Amino acid sequence: MHSGPPSPLPLLPSLSSLSSEEAWPDARTTPAQLPIKDPLPATASTTTLLVEPYHPLSQEPLGKIQVNNNKYDILKVMFSSTSLVGRGTVCYQARRTSDGQGFVIKDHWVLWDVDDVDVLNEIMMMKAMDDIPGVPKLEEGR
């Protein structure tokens, strides 16, 4: 039985899909195929985030995704933007197939532009929260 707060999950930006010889669906472009039991929040600002115990080895995957050379099983859709316009971020709870370690994968990151206030805000927030317990850390990316 799980006691105490769950371990923080590293944050992975999803920047690549599987090689063509792999027959895995691209979860970033086919979110309708993922079973979602609860309605998604209208906006992140009006949503209360509940922390659930995380047992990555006990869940069946909803799909698969690859980030750089690592493959991950998608276990849960944690957040999905509901806007028809904008950046369309989706966050997944996932486990690395090679070792079963749990991660959060954010499928969309805005390309760096020095004049883009939204990008600078996201980068500054992640840097400011770098050593706070329970806050995801960037594990890998481009």
N, C-alpha and C. Protein backbone atom coordinates (compact mmCIF):
# COMPACT_ATOMS: atom_id res chain seq x y z
N MET A 1 0.83 -1.18 0.00
CA MET A 1 0.00 0.00 0.00
C MET A 1 0.88 1.24 0.00
N HIS A 2 0.52 2.25 -0.70
CA HIS A 2 1.27 3.49 -0.85
C HIS A 2 1.08 4.36 0.38
N SER A 3 2.18 4.86 0.96
CA SER A 3 2.07 5.79 2.08
C SER A 3 2.85 7.04 1.75
N GLY A 4 2.34 8.18 2.18
CA GLY A 4 2.99 9.45 1.92
C GLY A 4 2.68 9.94 0.52
N PRO A 5 3.22 11.12 0.19
CA PRO A 5 2.94 11.68 -1.13
C PRO A 5 3.63 10.89 -2.22
N PRO A 6 3.04 10.84 -3.40
CA PRO A 6 3.67 10.12 -4.50
C PRO A 6 4.95 10.83 -4.94
N SER A 7 5.86 10.07 -5.50
CA SER A 7 7.10 10.66 -6.01
C SER A 7 6.78 11.56 -7.19
N PRO A 8 7.53 12.69 -7.32
CA PRO A 8 7.29 13.54 -8.49
C PRO A 8 7.68 12.80 -9.75
N LEU A 9 6.97 13.08 -10.81
CA LEU A 9 7.24 12.45 -12.09
C LEU A 9 8.05 13.40 -12.95
N PRO A 10 9.14 12.94 -13.57
CA PRO A 10 9.89 13.80 -14.47
C PRO A 10 9.02 14.21 -15.66
N LEU A 11 9.28 15.39 -16.19
CA LEU A 11 8.52 15.93 -17.31
C LEU A 11 9.29 15.71 -18.60
N LEU A 12 8.62 15.15 -19.59
CA LEU A 12 9.26 14.90 -20.88
C LEU A 12 8.51 15.64 -21.97
N PRO A 13 9.19 16.43 -22.77
CA PRO A 13 8.52 16.98 -23.93
C PRO A 13 8.52 15.93 -25.03
N SER A 14 7.41 15.71 -25.65
CA SER A 14 7.32 14.73 -26.72
C SER A 14 7.66 15.41 -28.02
N LEU A 15 8.79 15.06 -28.60
CA LEU A 15 9.25 15.78 -29.79
C LEU A 15 9.42 14.88 -31.01
N SER A 16 9.18 13.60 -30.86
CA SER A 16 9.36 12.73 -32.02
C SER A 16 8.36 11.59 -31.95
N SER A 17 8.13 10.98 -33.08
CA SER A 17 7.26 9.80 -33.11
C SER A 17 8.13 8.57 -33.33
N LEU A 18 7.54 7.42 -33.24
CA LEU A 18 8.28 6.19 -33.43
C LEU A 18 8.74 6.05 -34.87
N SER A 19 9.77 5.24 -35.04
CA SER A 19 10.26 5.00 -36.39
C SER A 19 9.19 4.30 -37.21
N SER A 20 9.32 4.40 -38.51
CA SER A 20 8.28 3.88 -39.40
C SER A 20 8.12 2.37 -39.31
N GLU A 21 9.18 1.64 -38.87
CA GLU A 21 9.02 0.19 -38.77
C GLU A 21 8.18 -0.20 -37.56
N GLU A 22 7.96 0.72 -36.63
CA GLU A 22 7.09 0.45 -35.49
C GLU A 22 5.66 0.79 -35.90
N ALA A 23 4.71 -0.04 -35.52
CA ALA A 23 3.31 0.18 -35.90
C ALA A 23 2.52 0.79 -34.76
N TRP A 24 3.11 1.72 -34.03
CA TRP A 24 2.42 2.36 -32.92
C TRP A 24 1.68 3.59 -33.43
N PRO A 25 0.46 3.82 -32.98
CA PRO A 25 -0.23 5.05 -33.38
C PRO A 25 0.42 6.25 -32.70
N ASP A 26 0.40 7.38 -33.35
CA ASP A 26 0.94 8.61 -32.79
C ASP A 26 -0.12 9.23 -31.90
N ALA A 27 0.05 9.11 -30.60
CA ALA A 27 -0.95 9.58 -29.64
C ALA A 27 -1.13 11.09 -29.69
N ARG A 28 -0.14 11.80 -30.24
CA ARG A 28 -0.26 13.25 -30.32
C ARG A 28 -1.27 13.66 -31.37
N THR A 29 -1.43 12.87 -32.40
CA THR A 29 -2.33 13.25 -33.50
C THR A 29 -3.61 12.44 -33.51
N THR A 30 -3.75 11.48 -32.60
CA THR A 30 -4.97 10.67 -32.54
C THR A 30 -5.53 10.59 -31.13
N PRO A 31 -5.71 11.74 -30.45
CA PRO A 31 -6.20 11.68 -29.07
C PRO A 31 -7.60 11.11 -28.94
N ALA A 32 -8.40 11.14 -30.00
CA ALA A 32 -9.76 10.62 -29.92
C ALA A 32 -9.77 9.12 -29.69
N GLN A 33 -8.68 8.43 -30.01
CA GLN A 33 -8.60 6.99 -29.82
C GLN A 33 -8.30 6.61 -28.38
N LEU A 34 -7.87 7.59 -27.56
CA LEU A 34 -7.56 7.30 -26.17
C LEU A 34 -8.83 7.35 -25.34
N PRO A 35 -9.14 6.30 -24.57
CA PRO A 35 -10.35 6.33 -23.75
C PRO A 35 -10.19 7.31 -22.60
N ILE A 36 -11.10 8.25 -22.51
CA ILE A 36 -11.09 9.25 -21.45
C ILE A 36 -12.40 9.11 -20.70
N LYS A 37 -12.33 8.73 -19.41
CA LYS A 37 -13.53 8.48 -18.64
C LYS A 37 -14.13 9.76 -18.07
N ASP A 38 -13.28 10.70 -17.65
CA ASP A 38 -13.77 11.93 -17.04
C ASP A 38 -13.72 13.05 -18.06
N PRO A 39 -14.66 14.01 -18.00
CA PRO A 39 -14.58 15.15 -18.91
C PRO A 39 -13.32 15.96 -18.61
N LEU A 40 -12.74 16.52 -19.64
CA LEU A 40 -11.53 17.31 -19.47
C LEU A 40 -11.88 18.70 -18.98
N PRO A 41 -10.99 19.33 -18.21
CA PRO A 41 -11.28 20.65 -17.67
C PRO A 41 -11.39 21.70 -18.76
N ALA A 42 -12.23 22.72 -18.52
CA ALA A 42 -12.39 23.80 -19.49
C ALA A 42 -11.12 24.62 -19.58
N THR A 43 -10.53 24.94 -18.46
CA THR A 43 -9.25 25.66 -18.44
C THR A 43 -8.46 25.19 -17.24
N ALA A 44 -7.15 25.31 -17.35
CA ALA A 44 -6.29 24.90 -16.24
C ALA A 44 -6.50 25.80 -15.03
N SER A 45 -6.84 27.07 -15.25
CA SER A 45 -6.97 28.00 -14.14
C SER A 45 -8.18 27.71 -13.26
N THR A 46 -9.16 26.98 -13.75
CA THR A 46 -10.35 26.69 -12.95
C THR A 46 -10.36 25.25 -12.46
N THR A 47 -9.26 24.54 -12.63
CA THR A 47 -9.21 23.13 -12.29
C THR A 47 -8.43 22.91 -10.99
N THR A 48 -8.96 22.09 -10.11
CA THR A 48 -8.23 21.68 -8.92
C THR A 48 -7.51 20.39 -9.27
N LEU A 49 -6.20 20.35 -9.07
CA LEU A 49 -5.40 19.18 -9.40
C LEU A 49 -5.36 18.26 -8.19
N LEU A 50 -5.82 17.04 -8.36
CA LEU A 50 -5.77 16.05 -7.29
C LEU A 50 -4.61 15.10 -7.56
N VAL A 51 -3.78 14.88 -6.56
CA VAL A 51 -2.65 13.98 -6.71
C VAL A 51 -3.11 12.57 -6.36
N GLU A 52 -2.88 11.64 -7.26
CA GLU A 52 -3.27 10.25 -7.05
C GLU A 52 -2.01 9.41 -6.87
N PRO A 53 -2.10 8.33 -6.09
CA PRO A 53 -0.95 7.42 -6.01
C PRO A 53 -0.62 6.91 -7.42
N TYR A 54 0.65 6.77 -7.71
CA TYR A 54 1.08 6.38 -9.05
C TYR A 54 1.74 5.01 -8.98
N HIS A 55 1.16 4.05 -9.62
CA HIS A 55 1.69 2.69 -9.66
C HIS A 55 1.89 2.32 -11.13
N PRO A 56 3.03 2.75 -11.74
CA PRO A 56 3.19 2.60 -13.18
C PRO A 56 3.20 1.17 -13.70
N LEU A 57 3.58 0.20 -12.90
CA LEU A 57 3.66 -1.17 -13.40
C LEU A 57 2.31 -1.88 -13.39
N SER A 58 1.31 -1.30 -12.71
CA SER A 58 0.03 -1.98 -12.57
C SER A 58 -1.02 -1.54 -13.59
N GLN A 59 -0.68 -0.66 -14.49
CA GLN A 59 -1.67 -0.14 -15.43
C GLN A 59 -1.40 -0.62 -16.85
N GLU A 60 -2.48 -0.88 -17.57
CA GLU A 60 -2.38 -1.24 -18.99
C GLU A 60 -2.24 0.05 -19.80
N PRO A 61 -1.39 0.07 -20.83
CA PRO A 61 -1.20 1.28 -21.62
C PRO A 61 -2.40 1.60 -22.51
N LEU A 62 -2.64 2.90 -22.71
CA LEU A 62 -3.66 3.38 -23.64
C LEU A 62 -3.07 3.55 -25.04
N GLY A 63 -1.76 3.72 -25.10
CA GLY A 63 -1.07 3.94 -26.36
C GLY A 63 0.43 3.96 -26.09
N LYS A 64 1.21 4.32 -27.09
CA LYS A 64 2.66 4.36 -26.96
C LYS A 64 3.17 5.62 -27.64
N ILE A 65 4.34 6.09 -27.15
CA ILE A 65 4.95 7.29 -27.72
C ILE A 65 6.46 7.16 -27.57
N GLN A 66 7.22 7.83 -28.42
CA GLN A 66 8.67 7.80 -28.33
C GLN A 66 9.18 9.22 -28.20
N VAL A 67 10.13 9.44 -27.28
CA VAL A 67 10.83 10.72 -27.12
C VAL A 67 12.31 10.40 -27.29
N ASN A 68 12.92 11.00 -28.29
CA ASN A 68 14.30 10.68 -28.64
C ASN A 68 14.43 9.17 -28.81
N ASN A 69 15.30 8.50 -28.05
CA ASN A 69 15.48 7.05 -28.21
C ASN A 69 14.69 6.22 -27.21
N ASN A 70 13.90 6.86 -26.36
CA ASN A 70 13.14 6.14 -25.34
C ASN A 70 11.68 5.97 -25.74
N LYS A 71 11.15 4.77 -25.47
CA LYS A 71 9.74 4.47 -25.75
C LYS A 71 8.97 4.46 -24.43
N TYR A 72 7.73 4.94 -24.49
CA TYR A 72 6.90 5.06 -23.30
C TYR A 72 5.51 4.51 -23.57
N ASP A 73 4.92 3.87 -22.53
CA ASP A 73 3.51 3.48 -22.56
C ASP A 73 2.71 4.65 -22.01
N ILE A 74 1.66 5.07 -22.71
CA ILE A 74 0.77 6.11 -22.22
C ILE A 74 -0.25 5.44 -21.31
N LEU A 75 -0.32 5.90 -20.05
CA LEU A 75 -1.21 5.30 -19.07
C LEU A 75 -2.47 6.11 -18.82
N LYS A 76 -2.39 7.43 -19.02
CA LYS A 76 -3.53 8.29 -18.70
C LYS A 76 -3.36 9.64 -19.38
N VAL A 77 -4.45 10.22 -19.84
CA VAL A 77 -4.44 11.60 -20.31
C VAL A 77 -4.66 12.45 -19.07
N MET A 78 -3.67 13.26 -18.70
CA MET A 78 -3.76 14.06 -17.48
C MET A 78 -4.39 15.43 -17.76
N PHE A 79 -4.13 15.97 -18.94
CA PHE A 79 -4.66 17.28 -19.32
C PHE A 79 -4.72 17.35 -20.83
N SER A 80 -5.75 18.00 -21.33
CA SER A 80 -5.86 18.25 -22.76
C SER A 80 -6.49 19.61 -22.96
N SER A 81 -5.85 20.43 -23.76
CA SER A 81 -6.41 21.75 -24.06
C SER A 81 -7.72 21.56 -24.80
N THR A 82 -8.73 22.32 -24.42
CA THR A 82 -10.04 22.18 -25.05
C THR A 82 -10.31 23.25 -26.09
N SER A 83 -9.35 24.11 -26.33
CA SER A 83 -9.52 25.19 -27.29
C SER A 83 -9.32 24.68 -28.72
N LEU A 84 -10.10 25.21 -29.64
CA LEU A 84 -9.93 24.85 -31.05
C LEU A 84 -8.76 25.58 -31.68
N VAL A 85 -8.33 26.67 -31.07
CA VAL A 85 -7.17 27.41 -31.55
C VAL A 85 -6.16 27.49 -30.43
N GLY A 86 -4.92 27.74 -30.77
CA GLY A 86 -3.89 27.85 -29.75
C GLY A 86 -2.90 26.71 -29.87
N ARG A 87 -2.23 26.42 -28.78
CA ARG A 87 -1.10 25.50 -28.82
C ARG A 87 -1.48 24.03 -28.68
N GLY A 88 -2.65 23.72 -28.17
CA GLY A 88 -3.13 22.34 -28.15
C GLY A 88 -2.33 21.37 -27.29
N THR A 89 -1.88 21.79 -26.14
CA THR A 89 -1.10 20.93 -25.26
C THR A 89 -1.91 19.76 -24.73
N VAL A 90 -1.28 18.59 -24.71
CA VAL A 90 -1.83 17.40 -24.04
C VAL A 90 -0.72 16.87 -23.13
N CYS A 91 -1.07 16.52 -21.89
CA CYS A 91 -0.10 15.93 -20.96
C CYS A 91 -0.54 14.51 -20.63
N TYR A 92 0.42 13.59 -20.70
CA TYR A 92 0.15 12.18 -20.47
C TYR A 92 0.91 11.68 -19.25
N GLN A 93 0.32 10.77 -18.50
CA GLN A 93 1.03 10.00 -17.49
C GLN A 93 1.56 8.78 -18.24
N ALA A 94 2.86 8.51 -18.09
CA ALA A 94 3.47 7.45 -18.90
C ALA A 94 4.51 6.69 -18.10
N ARG A 95 4.92 5.54 -18.65
CA ARG A 95 6.02 4.79 -18.05
C ARG A 95 6.99 4.41 -19.17
N ARG A 96 8.28 4.52 -18.87
CA ARG A 96 9.31 4.15 -19.83
C ARG A 96 9.32 2.63 -19.94
N THR A 97 9.28 2.13 -21.17
CA THR A 97 9.19 0.68 -21.37
C THR A 97 10.45 -0.06 -20.95
N SER A 98 11.61 0.60 -21.00
CA SER A 98 12.86 -0.09 -20.69
C SER A 98 13.02 -0.40 -19.20
N ASP A 99 12.45 0.43 -18.31
CA ASP A 99 12.66 0.21 -16.88
C ASP A 99 11.41 0.42 -16.02
N GLY A 100 10.29 0.79 -16.63
CA GLY A 100 9.05 0.97 -15.87
C GLY A 100 8.96 2.26 -15.08
N GLN A 101 9.95 3.15 -15.21
CA GLN A 101 9.93 4.41 -14.46
C GLN A 101 8.80 5.31 -14.96
N GLY A 102 8.12 6.01 -14.04
CA GLY A 102 7.00 6.87 -14.39
C GLY A 102 7.43 8.26 -14.81
N PHE A 103 6.68 8.84 -15.76
CA PHE A 103 6.96 10.18 -16.27
C PHE A 103 5.66 10.89 -16.61
N VAL A 104 5.75 12.21 -16.73
CA VAL A 104 4.70 13.02 -17.33
C VAL A 104 5.26 13.49 -18.66
N ILE A 105 4.50 13.32 -19.73
CA ILE A 105 4.96 13.77 -21.05
C ILE A 105 4.06 14.91 -21.50
N LYS A 106 4.68 16.04 -21.79
CA LYS A 106 3.98 17.19 -22.35
C LYS A 106 4.25 17.16 -23.85
N ASP A 107 3.20 17.09 -24.66
CA ASP A 107 3.40 16.82 -26.09
C ASP A 107 3.66 18.06 -26.93
N HIS A 108 3.59 19.24 -26.36
CA HIS A 108 3.80 20.43 -27.19
C HIS A 108 4.57 21.48 -26.41
N TRP A 109 5.66 21.91 -26.98
CA TRP A 109 6.43 23.01 -26.42
C TRP A 109 6.57 24.04 -27.53
N VAL A 110 6.40 25.28 -27.19
CA VAL A 110 6.51 26.35 -28.17
C VAL A 110 7.98 26.54 -28.51
N LEU A 111 8.27 26.71 -29.79
CA LEU A 111 9.65 26.95 -30.20
C LEU A 111 10.17 28.24 -29.59
N TRP A 112 11.43 28.24 -29.24
CA TRP A 112 12.05 29.39 -28.59
C TRP A 112 12.06 30.61 -29.51
N ASP A 113 11.58 31.71 -28.97
CA ASP A 113 11.62 33.01 -29.64
C ASP A 113 11.82 34.04 -28.54
N VAL A 114 12.91 34.77 -28.60
CA VAL A 114 13.26 35.72 -27.54
C VAL A 114 12.15 36.71 -27.27
N ASP A 115 11.36 37.07 -28.28
CA ASP A 115 10.31 38.07 -28.10
C ASP A 115 8.96 37.47 -27.69
N ASP A 116 8.87 36.17 -27.55
CA ASP A 116 7.60 35.52 -27.23
C ASP A 116 7.41 35.49 -25.71
N VAL A 117 6.50 36.31 -25.20
CA VAL A 117 6.27 36.44 -23.76
C VAL A 117 5.79 35.12 -23.16
N ASP A 118 4.91 34.38 -23.85
CA ASP A 118 4.41 33.11 -23.32
C ASP A 118 5.54 32.10 -23.14
N VAL A 119 6.45 32.02 -24.10
CA VAL A 119 7.56 31.09 -24.00
C VAL A 119 8.45 31.49 -22.83
N LEU A 120 8.77 32.77 -22.72
CA LEU A 120 9.62 33.22 -21.63
C LEU A 120 8.97 32.95 -20.28
N ASN A 121 7.66 33.14 -20.17
CA ASN A 121 6.97 32.86 -18.91
C ASN A 121 7.07 31.38 -18.56
N GLU A 122 6.86 30.49 -19.52
CA GLU A 122 6.94 29.05 -19.26
C GLU A 122 8.35 28.65 -18.84
N ILE A 123 9.34 29.17 -19.52
CA ILE A 123 10.73 28.86 -19.19
C ILE A 123 11.09 29.40 -17.82
N MET A 124 10.71 30.65 -17.52
CA MET A 124 11.03 31.23 -16.22
C MET A 124 10.32 30.48 -15.08
N MET A 125 9.07 30.08 -15.31
CA MET A 125 8.35 29.33 -14.27
C MET A 125 9.02 27.99 -14.00
N MET A 126 9.41 27.26 -15.05
CA MET A 126 10.06 25.97 -14.86
C MET A 126 11.40 26.13 -14.13
N LYS A 127 12.17 27.18 -14.47
CA LYS A 127 13.44 27.43 -13.79
C LYS A 127 13.22 27.80 -12.33
N ALA A 128 12.21 28.63 -12.05
CA ALA A 128 11.93 29.07 -10.68
C ALA A 128 11.49 27.91 -9.79
N MET A 129 10.86 26.90 -10.37
CA MET A 129 10.35 25.77 -9.59
C MET A 129 11.28 24.57 -9.64
N ASP A 130 12.48 24.75 -10.13
CA ASP A 130 13.40 23.64 -10.39
C ASP A 130 13.62 22.70 -9.21
N ASP A 131 13.82 23.22 -8.02
CA ASP A 131 14.14 22.36 -6.87
C ASP A 131 13.00 22.21 -5.87
N ILE A 132 11.78 22.50 -6.28
CA ILE A 132 10.63 22.36 -5.39
C ILE A 132 10.14 20.91 -5.43
N PRO A 133 10.04 20.27 -4.26
CA PRO A 133 9.56 18.88 -4.23
C PRO A 133 8.16 18.75 -4.83
N GLY A 134 7.96 17.71 -5.63
CA GLY A 134 6.66 17.46 -6.25
C GLY A 134 6.46 18.13 -7.59
N VAL A 135 7.36 19.01 -7.99
CA VAL A 135 7.26 19.69 -9.28
C VAL A 135 8.04 18.88 -10.31
N PRO A 136 7.43 18.55 -11.45
CA PRO A 136 8.14 17.77 -12.47
C PRO A 136 9.41 18.46 -12.94
N LYS A 137 10.41 17.68 -13.27
CA LYS A 137 11.67 18.20 -13.79
C LYS A 137 11.83 17.75 -15.23
N LEU A 138 12.43 18.60 -16.05
CA LEU A 138 12.67 18.26 -17.45
C LEU A 138 13.72 17.16 -17.50
N GLU A 139 13.35 16.03 -18.05
CA GLU A 139 14.24 14.87 -18.11
C GLU A 139 15.00 14.82 -19.43
N GLU A 140 14.31 15.00 -20.54
CA GLU A 140 14.96 14.95 -21.84
C GLU A 140 14.11 15.71 -22.84
N GLY A 141 14.71 16.02 -23.93
CA GLY A 141 14.02 16.74 -24.99
C GLY A 141 14.91 16.78 -26.20
N ARG A 142 14.70 17.77 -27.01
CA ARG A 142 15.47 17.91 -28.24
C ARG A 142 16.93 18.05 -27.98
